[in-house]
N, C-alpha and C. Protein backbone atom coordinates (compact mmCIF):
# COMPACT_ATOMS: atom_id res chain seq x y z
N UNK A 1 9.36 47.25 -85.70
CA UNK A 1 9.19 46.27 -84.64
C UNK A 1 7.88 45.52 -84.84
N UNK A 2 7.97 44.22 -84.87
CA UNK A 2 6.77 43.40 -85.07
C UNK A 2 5.87 43.45 -83.85
N UNK A 3 6.42 43.44 -82.65
CA UNK A 3 5.59 43.38 -81.45
C UNK A 3 5.03 44.73 -81.04
N UNK A 4 5.23 45.75 -81.85
CA UNK A 4 4.72 47.08 -81.52
C UNK A 4 3.19 47.08 -81.41
N UNK A 5 2.52 46.24 -82.19
CA UNK A 5 1.05 46.19 -82.14
C UNK A 5 0.55 45.64 -80.82
N UNK A 6 1.37 44.89 -80.09
CA UNK A 6 0.94 44.30 -78.82
C UNK A 6 1.13 45.25 -77.64
N UNK A 7 1.86 46.32 -77.83
CA UNK A 7 2.14 47.23 -76.73
C UNK A 7 1.11 48.34 -76.67
N UNK A 8 -0.10 47.98 -76.38
CA UNK A 8 -1.17 48.95 -76.22
C UNK A 8 -1.25 49.36 -74.75
N UNK A 9 -2.11 50.28 -74.47
CA UNK A 9 -2.25 50.73 -73.09
C UNK A 9 -2.68 49.59 -72.17
N UNK A 10 -3.50 48.68 -72.66
CA UNK A 10 -3.96 47.58 -71.81
C UNK A 10 -2.86 46.58 -71.51
N UNK A 11 -1.79 46.56 -72.30
CA UNK A 11 -0.70 45.61 -72.06
C UNK A 11 0.57 46.30 -71.57
N UNK A 12 0.49 47.55 -71.25
CA UNK A 12 1.67 48.28 -70.80
C UNK A 12 2.13 47.84 -69.42
N UNK A 13 1.30 47.10 -68.70
CA UNK A 13 1.69 46.67 -67.36
C UNK A 13 2.86 45.70 -67.38
N UNK A 14 3.20 45.16 -68.54
CA UNK A 14 4.33 44.24 -68.63
C UNK A 14 5.63 44.93 -68.24
N UNK A 15 5.73 46.24 -68.47
CA UNK A 15 6.95 46.97 -68.13
C UNK A 15 7.10 47.20 -66.63
N UNK A 16 6.01 47.10 -65.88
CA UNK A 16 6.04 47.35 -64.45
C UNK A 16 5.89 46.08 -63.62
N UNK A 17 5.66 44.96 -64.28
CA UNK A 17 5.46 43.70 -63.57
C UNK A 17 6.80 43.06 -63.21
N UNK A 18 6.78 42.27 -62.15
CA UNK A 18 7.97 41.52 -61.78
C UNK A 18 8.10 40.25 -62.60
N UNK A 19 6.96 39.72 -63.03
CA UNK A 19 6.94 38.49 -63.81
C UNK A 19 5.88 38.63 -64.89
N UNK A 20 6.05 37.89 -65.98
CA UNK A 20 5.06 37.90 -67.06
C UNK A 20 4.72 36.47 -67.44
N UNK A 21 3.44 36.22 -67.63
CA UNK A 21 2.97 34.92 -68.10
C UNK A 21 2.22 35.17 -69.40
N UNK A 22 2.69 34.53 -70.47
CA UNK A 22 2.04 34.64 -71.76
C UNK A 22 1.10 33.45 -71.93
N UNK A 23 -0.16 33.74 -72.22
CA UNK A 23 -1.13 32.67 -72.40
C UNK A 23 -1.69 32.73 -73.81
N UNK A 24 -2.25 31.60 -74.25
CA UNK A 24 -2.73 31.52 -75.62
C UNK A 24 -4.16 31.98 -75.78
N UNK A 25 -5.04 31.60 -74.85
CA UNK A 25 -6.43 31.94 -75.09
C UNK A 25 -7.28 32.03 -73.83
N UNK A 26 -8.58 31.94 -74.05
CA UNK A 26 -9.55 32.12 -72.97
C UNK A 26 -9.46 31.04 -71.91
N UNK A 27 -9.18 29.82 -72.32
CA UNK A 27 -9.12 28.72 -71.35
C UNK A 27 -8.04 28.97 -70.31
N UNK A 28 -6.88 29.35 -70.76
CA UNK A 28 -5.78 29.64 -69.83
C UNK A 28 -6.10 30.85 -68.97
N UNK A 29 -6.73 31.87 -69.55
CA UNK A 29 -7.08 33.08 -68.80
C UNK A 29 -8.05 32.76 -67.67
N UNK A 30 -8.94 31.81 -67.90
CA UNK A 30 -9.92 31.42 -66.89
C UNK A 30 -9.29 30.50 -65.85
N UNK A 31 -8.47 29.55 -66.28
CA UNK A 31 -7.92 28.55 -65.37
C UNK A 31 -6.73 29.03 -64.54
N UNK A 32 -5.95 29.95 -65.05
CA UNK A 32 -4.72 30.35 -64.38
C UNK A 32 -4.94 30.90 -62.97
N UNK A 33 -5.87 31.83 -62.74
CA UNK A 33 -6.07 32.29 -61.36
C UNK A 33 -6.51 31.18 -60.40
N UNK A 34 -7.31 30.25 -60.89
CA UNK A 34 -7.74 29.13 -60.04
C UNK A 34 -6.56 28.24 -59.69
N UNK A 35 -5.69 27.97 -60.66
CA UNK A 35 -4.51 27.14 -60.39
C UNK A 35 -3.56 27.85 -59.43
N UNK A 36 -3.41 29.16 -59.59
CA UNK A 36 -2.54 29.91 -58.70
C UNK A 36 -3.09 29.90 -57.27
N UNK A 37 -4.40 30.01 -57.13
CA UNK A 37 -5.02 29.98 -55.81
C UNK A 37 -4.82 28.62 -55.15
N UNK A 38 -4.97 27.55 -55.92
CA UNK A 38 -4.76 26.20 -55.37
C UNK A 38 -3.32 26.01 -54.92
N UNK A 39 -2.37 26.52 -55.69
CA UNK A 39 -0.97 26.42 -55.29
C UNK A 39 -0.71 27.22 -54.02
N UNK A 40 -1.32 28.40 -53.91
CA UNK A 40 -1.15 29.21 -52.70
C UNK A 40 -1.69 28.49 -51.47
N UNK A 41 -2.84 27.85 -51.61
CA UNK A 41 -3.42 27.11 -50.49
C UNK A 41 -2.56 25.91 -50.13
N UNK A 42 -2.08 25.21 -51.15
CA UNK A 42 -1.26 24.02 -50.93
C UNK A 42 0.07 24.38 -50.27
N UNK A 43 0.64 25.51 -50.63
CA UNK A 43 1.94 25.89 -50.12
C UNK A 43 1.88 26.84 -48.93
N UNK A 44 0.69 27.09 -48.40
CA UNK A 44 0.56 28.08 -47.32
C UNK A 44 1.32 27.69 -46.07
N UNK A 45 1.38 26.42 -45.73
CA UNK A 45 2.10 26.00 -44.54
C UNK A 45 3.60 26.15 -44.71
N UNK A 46 4.11 25.79 -45.87
CA UNK A 46 5.56 25.91 -46.09
C UNK A 46 5.97 27.35 -46.33
N UNK A 47 5.06 28.19 -46.80
CA UNK A 47 5.38 29.59 -47.04
C UNK A 47 5.69 30.34 -45.75
N UNK A 48 5.07 29.92 -44.67
CA UNK A 48 5.35 30.57 -43.39
C UNK A 48 6.79 30.33 -42.96
N UNK A 49 7.30 29.16 -43.28
CA UNK A 49 8.68 28.83 -42.92
C UNK A 49 9.66 29.50 -43.89
N UNK A 50 9.37 29.39 -45.20
CA UNK A 50 10.27 29.90 -46.23
C UNK A 50 10.08 31.39 -46.52
N UNK A 51 9.02 31.99 -45.99
CA UNK A 51 8.69 33.40 -46.21
C UNK A 51 8.53 33.74 -47.69
N UNK A 52 7.85 32.87 -48.41
CA UNK A 52 7.57 33.12 -49.83
C UNK A 52 6.27 33.90 -49.95
N UNK A 53 6.21 34.77 -50.94
CA UNK A 53 5.01 35.56 -51.20
C UNK A 53 4.05 34.71 -52.03
N UNK A 54 2.77 34.63 -51.64
CA UNK A 54 1.80 33.86 -52.43
C UNK A 54 1.71 34.39 -53.86
N UNK A 55 1.42 33.51 -54.81
CA UNK A 55 1.37 33.89 -56.22
C UNK A 55 0.36 35.00 -56.48
N UNK A 56 -0.80 34.92 -55.84
CA UNK A 56 -1.83 35.92 -56.09
C UNK A 56 -1.48 37.29 -55.50
N UNK A 57 -0.46 37.34 -54.65
CA UNK A 57 -0.03 38.61 -54.07
C UNK A 57 1.15 39.22 -54.82
N UNK A 58 1.68 38.51 -55.78
CA UNK A 58 2.83 39.01 -56.54
C UNK A 58 2.36 39.86 -57.71
N UNK A 59 3.27 40.67 -58.21
CA UNK A 59 2.98 41.55 -59.34
C UNK A 59 3.27 40.79 -60.64
N UNK A 60 2.30 39.97 -61.07
CA UNK A 60 2.45 39.14 -62.26
C UNK A 60 1.53 39.67 -63.34
N UNK A 61 2.09 39.89 -64.52
CA UNK A 61 1.32 40.35 -65.66
C UNK A 61 0.94 39.14 -66.51
N UNK A 62 -0.35 38.95 -66.73
CA UNK A 62 -0.85 37.85 -67.55
C UNK A 62 -1.33 38.44 -68.87
N UNK A 63 -0.67 38.05 -69.95
CA UNK A 63 -0.94 38.65 -71.25
C UNK A 63 -1.38 37.57 -72.23
N UNK A 64 -2.53 37.79 -72.84
CA UNK A 64 -3.05 36.86 -73.84
C UNK A 64 -2.45 37.24 -75.19
N UNK A 65 -1.64 36.34 -75.74
CA UNK A 65 -0.94 36.64 -76.99
C UNK A 65 -1.38 35.75 -78.14
N UNK A 66 -2.19 34.78 -77.87
CA UNK A 66 -2.61 33.87 -78.94
C UNK A 66 -1.44 33.01 -79.39
N UNK A 67 -1.32 32.82 -80.68
CA UNK A 67 -0.27 31.97 -81.23
C UNK A 67 1.00 32.75 -81.54
N UNK A 68 1.10 34.01 -81.09
CA UNK A 68 2.23 34.86 -81.44
C UNK A 68 3.26 34.98 -80.32
N UNK A 69 3.35 34.00 -79.45
CA UNK A 69 4.29 34.09 -78.34
C UNK A 69 5.73 34.11 -78.80
N UNK A 70 6.05 33.49 -79.93
CA UNK A 70 7.42 33.50 -80.43
C UNK A 70 7.87 34.91 -80.80
N UNK A 71 6.95 35.73 -81.29
CA UNK A 71 7.29 37.10 -81.66
C UNK A 71 7.65 37.91 -80.42
N UNK A 72 6.91 37.71 -79.35
CA UNK A 72 7.16 38.47 -78.12
C UNK A 72 8.36 37.97 -77.35
N UNK A 73 8.93 36.86 -77.75
CA UNK A 73 10.11 36.33 -77.08
C UNK A 73 11.26 37.33 -77.10
N UNK A 74 11.44 38.04 -78.21
CA UNK A 74 12.50 39.03 -78.32
C UNK A 74 12.27 40.20 -77.35
N UNK A 75 11.02 40.58 -77.18
CA UNK A 75 10.70 41.65 -76.24
C UNK A 75 11.03 41.22 -74.81
N UNK A 76 10.65 40.01 -74.44
CA UNK A 76 10.90 39.53 -73.08
C UNK A 76 12.39 39.37 -72.82
N UNK A 77 13.14 38.96 -73.83
CA UNK A 77 14.60 38.85 -73.66
C UNK A 77 15.20 40.23 -73.43
N UNK A 78 14.73 41.22 -74.16
CA UNK A 78 15.28 42.56 -73.99
C UNK A 78 14.89 43.17 -72.65
N UNK A 79 13.74 42.76 -72.09
CA UNK A 79 13.33 43.26 -70.77
C UNK A 79 14.00 42.52 -69.63
N UNK A 80 14.57 41.36 -69.93
CA UNK A 80 15.21 40.48 -68.94
C UNK A 80 14.21 40.05 -67.91
């Protein structure tokens, strides 16, 4: 398995997460929580009506994969 090297203890949370976001590098790792917070604030009024869970409260696994996201595609397909 090619993606076996990515399944370390620090990335094992992908098996327990409801959603996974694969990012390429440091810029995305820094910006993603800020963007998620802005979306939560923007959608807070409509969330009360639709009963949606804010993004920052969801079980989302953010994994930095670099340029190897195509390799992990097979893993994500098998996890559904």
